[in-house]
Each structure stands twice: as structure tokens, then as C-alpha cells.
Amino acid sequence: MVYVRLKTTNQQAFSMIVFGHNNFKIKSFSPRELGIPENPGDQRITLEVRQRYFHLFWIPFFPIGKAYVVRKEGDSNMYEMPLELQHLLSQRDDIKTPWYSFALIFLALFIGVSFFGNEKMKDIKWENRFYAEQADQKMQVKYPTTGDYYKFKAFECSDTNSRPAEIIVKVIAYDEDSIEFSSAYMNILDSNQYSYSIQSEINKNLDYRYNSFELKKEDIMNSFLKEYRDYGDDVVLKDMNWCYVFKGMDREKLDVAQN
């Protein structure tokens, strides 16, 4: 019997993308296993079913059919199998397309699931931190001390064109329902001065513009108690002619970084 030698691989590189097609063995048979008689004097052969696949960077992407080949003992080449034998092997139920013929697709899915899983874990972490900070802020508002500092954006309620100023204030008094804040040092975060202590800056009496003011505890808490990822409008707190938007607090002091 005469066998035709097959070309087994093909690949190209285009703009640094390596692609092409190749094949790997799925299953092999001796002629005896298929009921084919062998002559003692003939060269021993093995019949192979191989999976052909398209690859990117040598990783199997998707299958492109089967290859039915003959291997001769002592010969590394592969030869085309006669059509009747190909038909015989194609009818067998134990020869299936291996899942790793789609290795690149599975790899991409794994990377995608891992990425989104990691992002979900990060989001859960940030959500837990968000609610933990809310709970801590709620307790600080409910049970204030005269060492608490608050950060607000302040503006005149009647002046819709006024630009809110970021101010830092200190708790000077409180009762069951309300908190009274000191007059505020304005634009401390925008100054070129580096401060180790907010209190020392306030004591310099620089840029004071606001009188002491008082806000209800319940109103303060309602201004920051939101659902995670709630991007609704800021809640505005009012005292006399001034409006305030809560931006944060600190029990010891607010850190001031140099711009």
C-alpha cells in the first residue's frame, strides 16, 4: 500500500501576532485492533486520529477537523490514511474532540472570571468600609466631644452664584439634640502652608468669616447616611442664612496635606 506524506504544521506571524494551525494525537490503533490483517514481512504501522486546530501564539483556539494518518515504524513522518480507513475511524464513538482544542477560549474565560471576581471582592471590601465609616461617623455625631473637627462646604443660602468654601470647624458645645461649632477657618486645605495642627492654625485667627453655628444631630446624620453607590445630590444643612454640606469628620484632628 502506498501512503502520501502529509505536511503537518503551518504558522504565520503578522504584526507580532503568531497564528496558524497544527495538530495533536487523540488516539492510535494498530491494524489488528481494527481487524486489519498484517503480513509478517510488511513494515509495522500505527493508525492515528489527530485533532487539527487553529492557534494563536501556539495556544489552541478552536478545532478545524480531524486528521487520519499512518505512521511507519522507524519513520518520523506522517502519511495520509486510505479513505476507507478514515471512514471506519470517523464512525467510532470513542473518538471525540478534546476540550483543550478550545484552550485559548477557556483561558480567556478564566482570566475574565478571575478579573471580575477580583473586582467584585474589591467592591465588597469598599462597601464594607463605607458602611463601617458611616457607623463610626454616626456614633461620633450621636456622642460628640469638644475634640471633634468637622469639614463642611459652606455658602450663603440666598446667593445661588456663590462658590462654596471648604471650612473646618470644631465642636465647642453640644446637648442631646444639637451640636454647636466654632467659627471656621476657611480654605485651610487650599493654603500653601503645611500644618501639623489644625488647632494651631485656628488659633492664629486667620481668614475667619463665619460666626459660630448650631446644627441638629439628626440633620447631620441624615446628610451622610446613604446607600453604597448612592450618587444623589448632597443634603444641605441650614443655620440662619448659611448653608452647609457635610464632608467629613475626625475625632482627633483633620490631616492637612500640602498642595
C-alpha atoms as a PDB file:
ATOM      1  CA  MET A   1       0.000   0.000   0.000  1.00  0.00           C
ATOM      2  CA  VAL A   2       1.351   3.461  -0.913  1.00  0.00           C
ATOM      3  CA  TYR A   3       0.965   6.321   1.569  1.00  0.00           C
ATOM      4  CA  VAL A   4       1.216  10.047   0.783  1.00  0.00           C
ATOM      5  CA  ARG A   5       3.361  12.116   3.140  1.00  0.00           C
ATOM      6  CA  LEU A   6       1.468  14.958   4.870  1.00  0.00           C
ATOM      7  CA  LYS A   7       2.600  18.485   5.786  1.00  0.00           C
ATOM      8  CA  THR A   8       1.807  18.702   9.499  1.00  0.00           C
ATOM      9  CA  THR A   9       2.108  22.340  10.559  1.00  0.00           C
ATOM     10  CA  ASN A  10       1.622  25.849   9.259  1.00  0.00           C
ATOM     11  CA  GLN A  11       2.055  29.152  11.047  1.00  0.00           C
ATOM     12  CA  GLN A  12       2.499  32.821  10.211  1.00  0.00           C
ATOM     13  CA  ALA A  13       3.496  35.959  12.063  1.00  0.00           C
ATOM     14  CA  PHE A  14       1.660  39.171  11.233  1.00  0.00           C
ATOM     15  CA  SER A  15       2.321  42.374  13.183  1.00  0.00           C
ATOM     16  CA  MET A  16       3.769  40.293  16.028  1.00  0.00           C
ATOM     17  CA  ILE A  17       0.657  38.074  16.184  1.00  0.00           C
ATOM     18  CA  VAL A  18       1.668  34.460  15.744  1.00  0.00           C
ATOM     19  CA  PHE A  19      -1.108  32.278  14.339  1.00  0.00           C
ATOM     20  CA  GLY A  20      -1.523  29.170  12.264  1.00  0.00           C
ATOM     21  CA  HIS A  21      -2.683  25.575  12.561  1.00  0.00           C
ATOM     22  CA  ASN A  22      -1.244  22.383  13.969  1.00  0.00           C
ATOM     23  CA  ASN A  23      -2.461  19.014  15.240  1.00  0.00           C
ATOM     24  CA  PHE A  24      -2.050  16.592  18.115  1.00  0.00           C
ATOM     25  CA  LYS A  25      -2.786  12.912  18.591  1.00  0.00           C
ATOM     26  CA  ILE A  26      -6.172  11.888  20.000  1.00  0.00           C
ATOM     27  CA  LYS A  27      -5.940   8.139  19.673  1.00  0.00           C
ATOM     28  CA  SER A  28      -3.835   5.491  17.922  1.00  0.00           C
ATOM     29  CA  PHE A  29      -4.598   1.944  16.787  1.00  0.00           C
ATOM     30  CA  SER A  30      -2.709  -0.998  15.486  1.00  0.00           C
ATOM     31  CA  PRO A  31      -4.156  -2.625  12.344  1.00  0.00           C
ATOM     32  CA  ARG A  32      -5.019  -5.709  14.455  1.00  0.00           C
ATOM     33  CA  GLU A  33      -7.292  -3.561  16.730  1.00  0.00           C
ATOM     34  CA  LEU A  34      -9.308  -2.555  13.663  1.00  0.00           C
ATOM     35  CA  GLY A  35      -9.499  -6.078  12.311  1.00  0.00           C
ATOM     36  CA  ILE A  36      -6.992  -5.456   9.543  1.00  0.00           C
ATOM     37  CA  PRO A  37      -4.693  -8.403   8.828  1.00  0.00           C
ATOM     38  CA  GLU A  38      -0.947  -7.768   8.827  1.00  0.00           C
ATOM     39  CA  ASN A  39       1.615  -9.513   6.683  1.00  0.00           C
ATOM     40  CA  PRO A  40       4.672 -10.601   8.713  1.00  0.00           C
ATOM     41  CA  GLY A  41       7.046  -9.148   6.139  1.00  0.00           C
ATOM     42  CA  ASP A  42       5.412  -5.717   5.950  1.00  0.00           C
ATOM     43  CA  GLN A  43       6.742  -2.678   7.802  1.00  0.00           C
ATOM     44  CA  ARG A  44       4.869  -2.205  11.070  1.00  0.00           C
ATOM     45  CA  ILE A  45       2.445   0.724  11.042  1.00  0.00           C
ATOM     46  CA  THR A  46       0.260   2.626  13.505  1.00  0.00           C
ATOM     47  CA  LEU A  47      -3.004   4.317  12.592  1.00  0.00           C
ATOM     48  CA  GLU A  48      -3.588   7.655  14.312  1.00  0.00           C
ATOM     49  CA  VAL A  49      -6.512  10.030  14.658  1.00  0.00           C
ATOM     50  CA  ARG A  50      -5.220  13.555  15.214  1.00  0.00           C
ATOM     51  CA  GLN A  51      -7.040  16.753  16.096  1.00  0.00           C
ATOM     52  CA  ARG A  52      -6.323  19.685  13.815  1.00  0.00           C
ATOM     53  CA  TYR A  53      -6.682  23.129  15.420  1.00  0.00           C
ATOM     54  CA  PHE A  54      -6.150  26.813  14.762  1.00  0.00           C
ATOM     55  CA  HIS A  55      -3.830  28.515  17.250  1.00  0.00           C
ATOM     56  CA  LEU A  56      -2.854  31.988  18.408  1.00  0.00           C
ATOM     57  CA  PHE A  57       0.610  32.194  19.931  1.00  0.00           C
ATOM     58  CA  TRP A  58       0.727  28.398  19.789  1.00  0.00           C
ATOM     59  CA  ILE A  59      -2.281  28.061  22.131  1.00  0.00           C
ATOM     60  CA  PRO A  60      -5.159  26.038  20.595  1.00  0.00           C
ATOM     61  CA  PHE A  61      -8.039  28.380  19.767  1.00  0.00           C
ATOM     62  CA  PHE A  62     -10.647  26.180  18.045  1.00  0.00           C
ATOM     63  CA  PRO A  63     -10.685  22.791  16.244  1.00  0.00           C
ATOM     64  CA  ILE A  64     -10.737  22.607  12.451  1.00  0.00           C
ATOM     65  CA  GLY A  65     -11.378  18.922  11.880  1.00  0.00           C
ATOM     66  CA  LYS A  66      -9.633  15.570  12.248  1.00  0.00           C
ATOM     67  CA  ALA A  67      -6.550  14.241  10.523  1.00  0.00           C
ATOM     68  CA  TYR A  68      -6.265  10.489   9.876  1.00  0.00           C
ATOM     69  CA  VAL A  69      -2.650   9.463   9.425  1.00  0.00           C
ATOM     70  CA  VAL A  70      -0.403   6.452   9.195  1.00  0.00           C
ATOM     71  CA  ARG A  71       2.934   6.213  10.965  1.00  0.00           C
ATOM     72  CA  LYS A  72       5.602   3.737   9.914  1.00  0.00           C
ATOM     73  CA  GLU A  73       7.958   2.142  12.375  1.00  0.00           C
ATOM     74  CA  GLY A  74      11.304   3.971  12.372  1.00  0.00           C
ATOM     75  CA  ASP A  75       9.902   6.866  10.313  1.00  0.00           C
ATOM     76  CA  SER A  76       9.019  10.222  11.939  1.00  0.00           C
ATOM     77  CA  ASN A  77       6.857  11.318   9.003  1.00  0.00           C
ATOM     78  CA  MET A  78       3.072  11.020   8.825  1.00  0.00           C
ATOM     79  CA  TYR A  79       1.231   9.681   5.767  1.00  0.00           C
ATOM     80  CA  GLU A  80      -2.336  10.039   4.574  1.00  0.00           C
ATOM     81  CA  MET A  81      -4.652   7.214   5.583  1.00  0.00           C
ATOM     82  CA  PRO A  82      -6.753   5.456   2.915  1.00  0.00           C
ATOM     83  CA  LEU A  83     -10.300   6.816   2.683  1.00  0.00           C
ATOM     84  CA  GLU A  84     -11.975   3.552   3.716  1.00  0.00           C
ATOM     85  CA  LEU A  85      -9.981   3.527   6.960  1.00  0.00           C
ATOM     86  CA  GLN A  86     -10.761   7.187   7.561  1.00  0.00           C
ATOM     87  CA  HIS A  87     -14.458   6.437   7.195  1.00  0.00           C
ATOM     88  CA  LEU A  88     -14.147   3.496   9.579  1.00  0.00           C
ATOM     89  CA  LEU A  89     -12.473   5.549  12.299  1.00  0.00           C
ATOM     90  CA  SER A  90     -14.808   8.536  11.885  1.00  0.00           C
ATOM     91  CA  GLN A  91     -17.744   6.298  12.898  1.00  0.00           C
ATOM     92  CA  ARG A  92     -16.225   5.351  16.256  1.00  0.00           C
ATOM     93  CA  ASP A  93     -17.895   6.776  19.374  1.00  0.00           C
ATOM     94  CA  ASP A  94     -14.691   6.780  21.426  1.00  0.00           C
ATOM     95  CA  ILE A  95     -13.060   9.475  19.296  1.00  0.00           C
ATOM     96  CA  LYS A  96     -14.237  12.924  20.322  1.00  0.00           C
ATOM     97  CA  THR A  97     -12.918  16.457  20.030  1.00  0.00           C
ATOM     98  CA  PRO A  98     -10.867  17.165  23.196  1.00  0.00           C
ATOM     99  CA  TRP A  99     -11.936  20.158  25.287  1.00  0.00           C
ATOM    100  CA  TYR A 100      -8.401  21.565  25.204  1.00  0.00           C
ATOM    101  CA  SER A 101      -8.836  22.217  21.487  1.00  0.00           C
ATOM    102  CA  PHE A 102     -10.564  25.359  22.820  1.00  0.00           C
ATOM    103  CA  ALA A 103      -7.760  26.100  25.330  1.00  0.00           C
ATOM    104  CA  LEU A 104      -7.453  29.785  24.409  1.00  0.00           C
ATOM    105  CA  ILE A 105     -11.192  30.365  24.853  1.00  0.00           C
ATOM    106  CA  PHE A 106     -11.161  28.657  28.257  1.00  0.00           C
ATOM    107  CA  LEU A 107      -8.072  30.633  29.215  1.00  0.00           C
ATOM    108  CA  ALA A 108      -9.760  33.909  28.242  1.00  0.00           C
ATOM    109  CA  LEU A 109     -12.870  32.930  30.224  1.00  0.00           C
ATOM    110  CA  PHE A 110     -10.764  32.049  33.250  1.00  0.00           C
ATOM    111  CA  ILE A 111      -8.907  35.370  33.103  1.00  0.00           C
ATOM    112  CA  GLY A 112     -12.185  37.249  32.652  1.00  0.00           C
ATOM    113  CA  VAL A 113     -13.909  35.485  35.556  1.00  0.00           C
ATOM    114  CA  SER A 114     -10.829  35.975  37.754  1.00  0.00           C
ATOM    115  CA  PHE A 115     -10.675  39.681  36.904  1.00  0.00           C
ATOM    116  CA  PHE A 116     -14.353  40.366  37.539  1.00  0.00           C
ATOM    117  CA  GLY A 117     -14.266  38.169  40.649  1.00  0.00           C
ATOM    118  CA  ASN A 118     -11.351  40.187  41.971  1.00  0.00           C
ATOM    119  CA  GLU A 119     -13.133  43.452  41.152  1.00  0.00           C
ATOM    120  CA  LYS A 120     -16.240  42.179  42.939  1.00  0.00           C
ATOM    121  CA  MET A 121     -14.187  41.329  46.039  1.00  0.00           C
ATOM    122  CA  LYS A 122     -12.668  44.822  45.958  1.00  0.00           C
ATOM    123  CA  ASP A 123     -16.137  46.329  45.652  1.00  0.00           C
ATOM    124  CA  ILE A 124     -17.382  44.292  48.624  1.00  0.00           C
ATOM    125  CA  LYS A 125     -14.356  45.450  50.626  1.00  0.00           C
ATOM    126  CA  TRP A 126     -15.053  49.094  49.759  1.00  0.00           C
ATOM    127  CA  GLU A 127     -18.744  48.651  50.563  1.00  0.00           C
ATOM    128  CA  ASN A 128     -17.951  47.180  53.983  1.00  0.00           C
ATOM    129  CA  ARG A 129     -15.542  50.054  54.658  1.00  0.00           C
ATOM    130  CA  PHE A 130     -18.184  52.553  53.510  1.00  0.00           C
ATOM    131  CA  TYR A 131     -20.780  51.278  55.993  1.00  0.00           C
ATOM    132  CA  ALA A 132     -18.177  50.914  58.769  1.00  0.00           C
ATOM    133  CA  GLU A 133     -17.172  54.565  58.316  1.00  0.00           C
ATOM    134  CA  GLN A 134     -20.840  55.578  58.306  1.00  0.00           C
ATOM    135  CA  ALA A 135     -21.450  53.717  61.561  1.00  0.00           C
ATOM    136  CA  ASP A 136     -18.382  55.344  63.121  1.00  0.00           C
ATOM    137  CA  GLN A 137     -19.475  58.811  61.974  1.00  0.00           C
ATOM    138  CA  LYS A 138     -22.981  58.215  63.305  1.00  0.00           C
ATOM    139  CA  MET A 139     -21.606  57.336  66.746  1.00  0.00           C
ATOM    140  CA  GLN A 140     -19.382  60.441  66.729  1.00  0.00           C
ATOM    141  CA  VAL A 141     -22.358  62.664  65.919  1.00  0.00           C
ATOM    142  CA  LYS A 142     -24.545  60.953  68.485  1.00  0.00           C
ATOM    143  CA  TYR A 143     -21.872  61.164  71.195  1.00  0.00           C
ATOM    144  CA  PRO A 144     -19.680  64.200  70.324  1.00  0.00           C
ATOM    145  CA  THR A 145     -16.695  65.593  72.217  1.00  0.00           C
ATOM    146  CA  THR A 146     -15.132  69.029  72.195  1.00  0.00           C
ATOM    147  CA  GLY A 147     -12.140  67.498  70.413  1.00  0.00           C
ATOM    148  CA  ASP A 148     -14.112  66.736  67.256  1.00  0.00           C
ATOM    149  CA  TYR A 149     -13.376  68.524  63.994  1.00  0.00           C
ATOM    150  CA  TYR A 150     -15.855  68.670  61.122  1.00  0.00           C
ATOM    151  CA  LYS A 151     -15.345  69.538  57.494  1.00  0.00           C
ATOM    152  CA  PHE A 152     -18.132  71.355  55.617  1.00  0.00           C
ATOM    153  CA  LYS A 153     -18.661  73.173  52.379  1.00  0.00           C
ATOM    154  CA  ALA A 154     -20.337  76.455  53.281  1.00  0.00           C
ATOM    155  CA  PHE A 155     -22.134  79.069  51.215  1.00  0.00           C
ATOM    156  CA  GLU A 156     -24.784  81.750  51.598  1.00  0.00           C
ATOM    157  CA  CYS A 157     -28.178  80.167  51.010  1.00  0.00           C
ATOM    158  CA  SER A 158     -29.565  83.279  49.319  1.00  0.00           C
ATOM    159  CA  ASP A 159     -26.654  83.607  46.898  1.00  0.00           C
ATOM    160  CA  THR A 160     -27.095  80.873  44.271  1.00  0.00           C
ATOM    161  CA  ASN A 161     -23.977  82.013  42.442  1.00  0.00           C
ATOM    162  CA  SER A 162     -21.698  81.863  45.450  1.00  0.00           C
ATOM    163  CA  ARG A 163     -18.857  79.395  45.337  1.00  0.00           C
ATOM    164  CA  PRO A 164     -18.880  77.002  48.321  1.00  0.00           C
ATOM    165  CA  ALA A 165     -15.860  77.343  50.589  1.00  0.00           C
ATOM    166  CA  GLU A 166     -14.382  74.333  52.318  1.00  0.00           C
ATOM    167  CA  ILE A 167     -14.199  75.048  56.035  1.00  0.00           C
ATOM    168  CA  ILE A 168     -13.017  73.210  59.112  1.00  0.00           C
ATOM    169  CA  VAL A 169     -14.828  73.739  62.398  1.00  0.00           C
ATOM    170  CA  LYS A 170     -14.501  72.487  65.947  1.00  0.00           C
ATOM    171  CA  VAL A 171     -17.207  71.278  68.328  1.00  0.00           C
ATOM    172  CA  ILE A 172     -17.469  73.738  71.217  1.00  0.00           C
ATOM    173  CA  ALA A 173     -20.744  72.632  72.821  1.00  0.00           C
ATOM    174  CA  TYR A 174     -23.491  70.061  72.469  1.00  0.00           C
ATOM    175  CA  ASP A 175     -26.636  68.737  74.062  1.00  0.00           C
ATOM    176  CA  GLU A 176     -28.979  65.829  73.447  1.00  0.00           C
ATOM    177  CA  ASP A 177     -30.220  67.164  70.112  1.00  0.00           C
ATOM    178  CA  SER A 178     -27.715  69.658  68.706  1.00  0.00           C
ATOM    179  CA  ILE A 179     -24.033  70.424  68.191  1.00  0.00           C
ATOM    180  CA  GLU A 180     -22.546  73.909  68.260  1.00  0.00           C
ATOM    181  CA  PHE A 181     -19.479  74.562  66.142  1.00  0.00           C
ATOM    182  CA  SER A 182     -16.774  77.197  66.409  1.00  0.00           C
ATOM    183  CA  SER A 183     -16.332  79.864  63.767  1.00  0.00           C
ATOM    184  CA  ALA A 184     -14.444  78.364  60.884  1.00  0.00           C
ATOM    185  CA  TYR A 185     -11.015  78.684  59.426  1.00  0.00           C
ATOM    186  CA  MET A 186     -11.563  78.991  55.691  1.00  0.00           C
ATOM    187  CA  ASN A 187      -9.596  77.494  52.795  1.00  0.00           C
ATOM    188  CA  ILE A 188      -7.034  75.812  55.019  1.00  0.00           C
ATOM    189  CA  LEU A 189      -6.798  72.950  52.554  1.00  0.00           C
ATOM    190  CA  ASP A 190      -6.058  75.380  49.740  1.00  0.00           C
ATOM    191  CA  SER A 191      -3.348  77.309  51.576  1.00  0.00           C
ATOM    192  CA  ASN A 192       0.301  76.916  50.788  1.00  0.00           C
ATOM    193  CA  GLN A 193       1.078  76.446  54.457  1.00  0.00           C
ATOM    194  CA  TYR A 194       1.750  72.997  55.777  1.00  0.00           C
ATOM    195  CA  SER A 195       0.083  72.473  59.131  1.00  0.00           C
ATOM    196  CA  TYR A 196       0.834  69.839  61.724  1.00  0.00           C
ATOM    197  CA  SER A 197      -2.092  71.053  63.816  1.00  0.00           C
ATOM    198  CA  ILE A 198      -5.451  72.407  62.737  1.00  0.00           C
ATOM    199  CA  GLN A 199      -5.898  73.925  66.189  1.00  0.00           C
ATOM    200  CA  SER A 200      -2.699  75.966  65.902  1.00  0.00           C
ATOM    201  CA  GLU A 201      -3.902  77.395  62.593  1.00  0.00           C
ATOM    202  CA  ILE A 202      -7.321  78.218  64.019  1.00  0.00           C
ATOM    203  CA  ASN A 203      -5.668  79.966  66.950  1.00  0.00           C
ATOM    204  CA  LYS A 204      -3.890  82.312  64.537  1.00  0.00           C
ATOM    205  CA  ASN A 205      -7.313  83.858  63.739  1.00  0.00           C
ATOM    206  CA  LEU A 206      -6.653  83.856  60.011  1.00  0.00           C
ATOM    207  CA  ASP A 207      -9.447  84.153  57.462  1.00  0.00           C
ATOM    208  CA  TYR A 208     -12.353  83.890  59.895  1.00  0.00           C
ATOM    209  CA  ARG A 209     -15.588  84.606  58.052  1.00  0.00           C
ATOM    210  CA  TYR A 210     -18.327  82.727  59.836  1.00  0.00           C
ATOM    211  CA  ASN A 211     -19.918  83.050  63.229  1.00  0.00           C
ATOM    212  CA  SER A 212     -20.454  80.036  65.418  1.00  0.00           C
ATOM    213  CA  PHE A 213     -23.404  77.973  64.269  1.00  0.00           C
ATOM    214  CA  GLU A 214     -25.547  75.116  65.511  1.00  0.00           C
ATOM    215  CA  LEU A 215     -26.896  72.066  63.676  1.00  0.00           C
ATOM    216  CA  LYS A 216     -29.250  69.286  64.699  1.00  0.00           C
ATOM    217  CA  LYS A 217     -27.620  65.908  65.243  1.00  0.00           C
ATOM    218  CA  GLU A 218     -30.390  64.188  63.306  1.00  0.00           C
ATOM    219  CA  ASP A 219     -29.896  66.512  60.331  1.00  0.00           C
ATOM    220  CA  ILE A 220     -26.150  65.880  60.293  1.00  0.00           C
ATOM    221  CA  MET A 221     -26.645  62.107  60.356  1.00  0.00           C
ATOM    222  CA  ASN A 222     -29.277  62.248  57.629  1.00  0.00           C
ATOM    223  CA  SER A 223     -26.844  64.159  55.429  1.00  0.00           C
ATOM    224  CA  PHE A 224     -24.324  61.294  55.244  1.00  0.00           C
ATOM    225  CA  LEU A 225     -26.380  58.151  55.906  1.00  0.00           C
ATOM    226  CA  LYS A 226     -26.728  56.897  52.329  1.00  0.00           C
ATOM    227  CA  GLU A 227     -26.741  53.639  50.474  1.00  0.00           C
ATOM    228  CA  TYR A 228     -23.494  52.464  48.935  1.00  0.00           C
ATOM    229  CA  ARG A 229     -23.031  53.967  45.459  1.00  0.00           C
ATOM    230  CA  ASP A 230     -25.803  56.493  46.067  1.00  0.00           C
ATOM    231  CA  TYR A 231     -24.693  59.414  43.915  1.00  0.00           C
ATOM    232  CA  GLY A 232     -27.662  61.608  44.708  1.00  0.00           C
ATOM    233  CA  ASP A 233     -27.434  65.313  45.487  1.00  0.00           C
ATOM    234  CA  ASP A 234     -25.718  66.399  48.684  1.00  0.00           C
ATOM    235  CA  VAL A 235     -28.032  67.122  51.608  1.00  0.00           C
ATOM    236  CA  VAL A 236     -27.810  70.797  52.561  1.00  0.00           C
ATOM    237  CA  LEU A 237     -27.879  71.770  56.247  1.00  0.00           C
ATOM    238  CA  LYS A 238     -29.048  75.278  57.184  1.00  0.00           C
ATOM    239  CA  ASP A 239     -28.390  77.647  60.060  1.00  0.00           C
ATOM    240  CA  MET A 240     -29.680  81.172  59.705  1.00  0.00           C
ATOM    241  CA  ASN A 241     -28.547  82.485  56.291  1.00  0.00           C
ATOM    242  CA  TRP A 242     -25.793  79.929  55.793  1.00  0.00           C
ATOM    243  CA  CYS A 243     -25.920  76.505  54.181  1.00  0.00           C
ATOM    244  CA  TYR A 244     -23.536  73.663  54.936  1.00  0.00           C
ATOM    245  CA  VAL A 245     -22.734  70.385  53.214  1.00  0.00           C
ATOM    246  CA  PHE A 246     -21.112  67.718  55.407  1.00  0.00           C
ATOM    247  CA  LYS A 247     -17.789  66.420  54.007  1.00  0.00           C
ATOM    248  CA  GLY A 248     -16.218  64.503  56.895  1.00  0.00           C
ATOM    249  CA  MET A 249     -15.037  64.490  60.489  1.00  0.00           C
ATOM    250  CA  ASP A 250     -12.205  63.416  62.717  1.00  0.00           C
ATOM    251  CA  ARG A 251     -12.129  62.794  66.449  1.00  0.00           C
ATOM    252  CA  GLU A 252      -8.561  63.989  66.887  1.00  0.00           C
ATOM    253  CA  LYS A 253      -7.823  66.320  64.010  1.00  0.00           C
ATOM    254  CA  LEU A 254      -8.197  66.575  60.268  1.00  0.00           C
ATOM    255  CA  ASP A 255      -4.966  65.930  58.370  1.00  0.00           C
ATOM    256  CA  VAL A 256      -3.892  68.738  56.113  1.00  0.00           C
ATOM    257  CA  ALA A 257      -1.678  67.897  53.156  1.00  0.00           C
ATOM    258  CA  GLN A 258       0.436  70.403  51.318  1.00  0.00           C
ATOM    259  CA  ASN A 259      -0.660  71.043  47.719  1.00  0.00           C
END
